[in-house]
Amino acid sequence: QVQLVEFGGGSVQAGDSLRLSCAASGRTLMNYRMGWFRQAPGKEREFVATIRATGRSPYYADSVKGRFTISRDNAKNTVYLQMNSLKPEDTALYYCAATYQTTAYPSTREDDYRYWGPGTQVTVSS
């Protein structure tokens, strides 16, 4: 019902910034809770950030708090992840996710989300 595609990944140096976008089609995102996850080679997928359908109360993993910002523009059917002060340990495939359910917030588990994008690669070099 919802198709998601991530944009904005790339290769950067430590300390640089990137802005990821997640564009949705098939449904409006106005009623969907959104999240960002990432997965590095050999590691499990981990939670990065989530935001309510209304855009209120963004929530972050401790590893990115203060450096990353999740936001959304429901009029554009798009969710963003602004990544500043990037570190080599941020290197991963970044996934956008959406869920229609509105259970307890924040949603930090993979199985909290029903729809996923294919991912966009972020590589941070020293």
Protein backbone atom coordinates (compact mmCIF):
# COMPACT_ATOMS: atom_id res chain seq x y z
CA GLN A 1 0.00 0.00 0.00
CA VAL A 2 2.96 2.30 0.65
CA GLN A 3 6.10 2.39 -1.48
CA LEU A 4 9.20 4.08 -0.06
CA VAL A 5 12.41 5.12 -1.81
CA GLU A 6 15.45 6.68 -0.12
CA PHE A 7 17.68 9.32 -1.72
CA GLY A 8 20.78 11.23 -0.73
CA GLY A 9 23.31 8.62 0.28
CA GLY A 10 26.94 8.89 -0.73
CA SER A 11 30.58 8.81 0.31
CA VAL A 12 31.83 11.60 2.56
CA GLN A 13 34.65 12.39 4.95
CA ALA A 14 34.34 12.32 8.72
CA GLY A 15 32.81 15.55 9.97
CA ASP A 16 30.80 16.12 6.80
CA SER A 17 27.02 16.24 6.49
CA LEU A 18 24.42 14.46 4.40
CA ARG A 19 20.68 14.83 4.08
CA LEU A 20 18.70 11.71 3.31
CA SER A 21 15.19 11.86 1.86
CA CYS A 22 12.48 9.23 1.81
CA ALA A 23 9.78 9.70 -0.81
CA ALA A 24 6.50 7.81 -0.53
CA SER A 25 3.90 6.82 -3.09
CA GLY A 26 0.70 4.80 -3.03
CA ARG A 27 -0.64 6.55 0.06
CA THR A 28 -0.29 9.85 1.83
CA LEU A 29 2.09 9.69 4.77
CA MET A 30 0.02 12.00 6.93
CA ASN A 31 -1.29 9.09 9.02
CA TYR A 32 1.97 7.12 9.19
CA ARG A 33 4.62 7.01 11.85
CA MET A 34 8.04 7.07 10.19
CA GLY A 35 11.45 5.75 11.13
CA TRP A 36 15.03 5.47 9.97
CA PHE A 37 17.15 2.37 10.52
CA ARG A 38 20.64 1.42 9.41
CA GLN A 39 22.59 -1.76 8.89
CA ALA A 40 26.35 -2.13 8.59
CA PRO A 41 27.97 -5.22 7.06
CA GLY A 42 28.03 -8.08 9.55
CA LYS A 43 25.76 -6.26 11.99
CA GLU A 44 22.05 -6.35 12.70
CA ARG A 45 19.76 -3.58 11.60
CA GLU A 46 19.59 -0.88 14.26
CA PHE A 47 17.20 1.91 15.06
CA VAL A 48 18.26 5.46 14.21
CA ALA A 49 15.29 7.81 14.56
CA THR A 50 11.50 7.99 14.52
CA ILE A 51 8.88 10.70 14.24
CA ARG A 52 5.13 10.81 14.87
CA ALA A 53 2.64 11.19 12.03
CA THR A 54 2.12 14.78 13.15
CA GLY A 55 5.84 15.54 13.10
CA ARG A 56 6.02 15.99 16.84
CA SER A 57 8.44 14.50 19.39
CA PRO A 58 11.23 13.08 17.23
CA TYR A 59 13.23 10.40 19.03
CA TYR A 60 16.79 9.23 18.41
CA ALA A 61 19.18 6.45 19.22
CA ASP A 62 21.84 7.55 21.70
CA SER A 63 24.53 7.03 19.07
CA VAL A 64 23.14 9.77 16.82
CA LYS A 65 21.46 12.11 19.32
CA GLY A 66 22.66 15.67 18.84
CA ARG A 67 24.03 14.95 15.37
CA PHE A 68 21.04 13.67 13.37
CA THR A 69 17.64 15.29 12.89
CA ILE A 70 14.53 13.57 11.56
CA SER A 71 11.80 15.71 10.03
CA ARG A 72 8.89 15.37 7.66
CA ASP A 73 6.93 17.35 5.12
CA ASN A 74 3.58 15.64 4.73
CA ALA A 75 2.60 17.99 1.90
CA LYS A 76 5.54 16.59 -0.08
CA ASN A 77 5.00 13.05 1.20
CA THR A 78 8.63 13.03 2.26
CA VAL A 79 10.65 12.28 5.40
CA TYR A 80 14.19 13.53 5.95
CA LEU A 81 17.23 12.59 7.98
CA GLN A 82 19.76 15.39 8.35
CA MET A 83 23.10 13.89 9.39
CA ASN A 84 25.81 16.18 10.72
CA SER A 85 29.26 15.51 12.14
CA LEU A 86 29.34 12.12 10.46
CA LYS A 87 31.66 9.47 11.87
CA PRO A 88 33.10 6.34 10.24
CA GLU A 89 30.86 4.26 12.51
CA ASP A 90 27.85 5.84 10.78
CA THR A 91 28.73 3.89 7.64
CA ALA A 92 25.74 1.69 6.81
CA LEU A 93 22.82 1.08 4.50
CA TYR A 94 20.10 3.45 5.69
CA TYR A 95 16.46 2.39 5.47
CA CYS A 96 13.28 4.41 5.66
CA ALA A 97 10.28 2.71 7.26
CA ALA A 98 6.60 3.48 7.78
CA THR A 99 3.82 2.09 9.92
CA TYR A 100 0.12 2.85 10.17
CA GLN A 101 -0.16 1.54 13.71
CA THR A 102 -0.19 4.07 16.52
CA THR A 103 0.79 2.03 19.54
CA ALA A 104 3.15 3.22 22.25
CA TYR A 105 5.76 5.74 21.13
CA PRO A 106 8.62 5.68 20.35
CA SER A 107 8.72 2.83 17.83
CA THR A 108 12.28 1.52 17.83
CA ARG A 109 11.94 -2.10 16.72
CA GLU A 110 12.04 -3.41 13.15
CA ASP A 111 8.73 -5.20 13.63
CA ASP A 112 7.07 -1.93 14.58
CA TYR A 113 7.15 -1.00 10.89
CA ARG A 114 5.28 -2.57 8.00
CA TYR A 115 6.72 -0.76 4.97
CA TRP A 116 10.40 -0.39 4.05
CA GLY A 117 12.44 1.27 1.35
CA PRO A 118 15.31 -0.51 -0.42
CA GLY A 119 17.93 1.54 1.42
CA THR A 120 20.59 4.08 0.48
CA GLN A 121 24.29 3.65 1.23
CA VAL A 122 26.17 6.09 3.44
CA THR A 123 29.94 5.69 3.64
CA VAL A 124 32.04 7.86 5.95
CA SER A 125 35.83 7.79 5.61
CA SER A 126 38.44 9.06 8.06
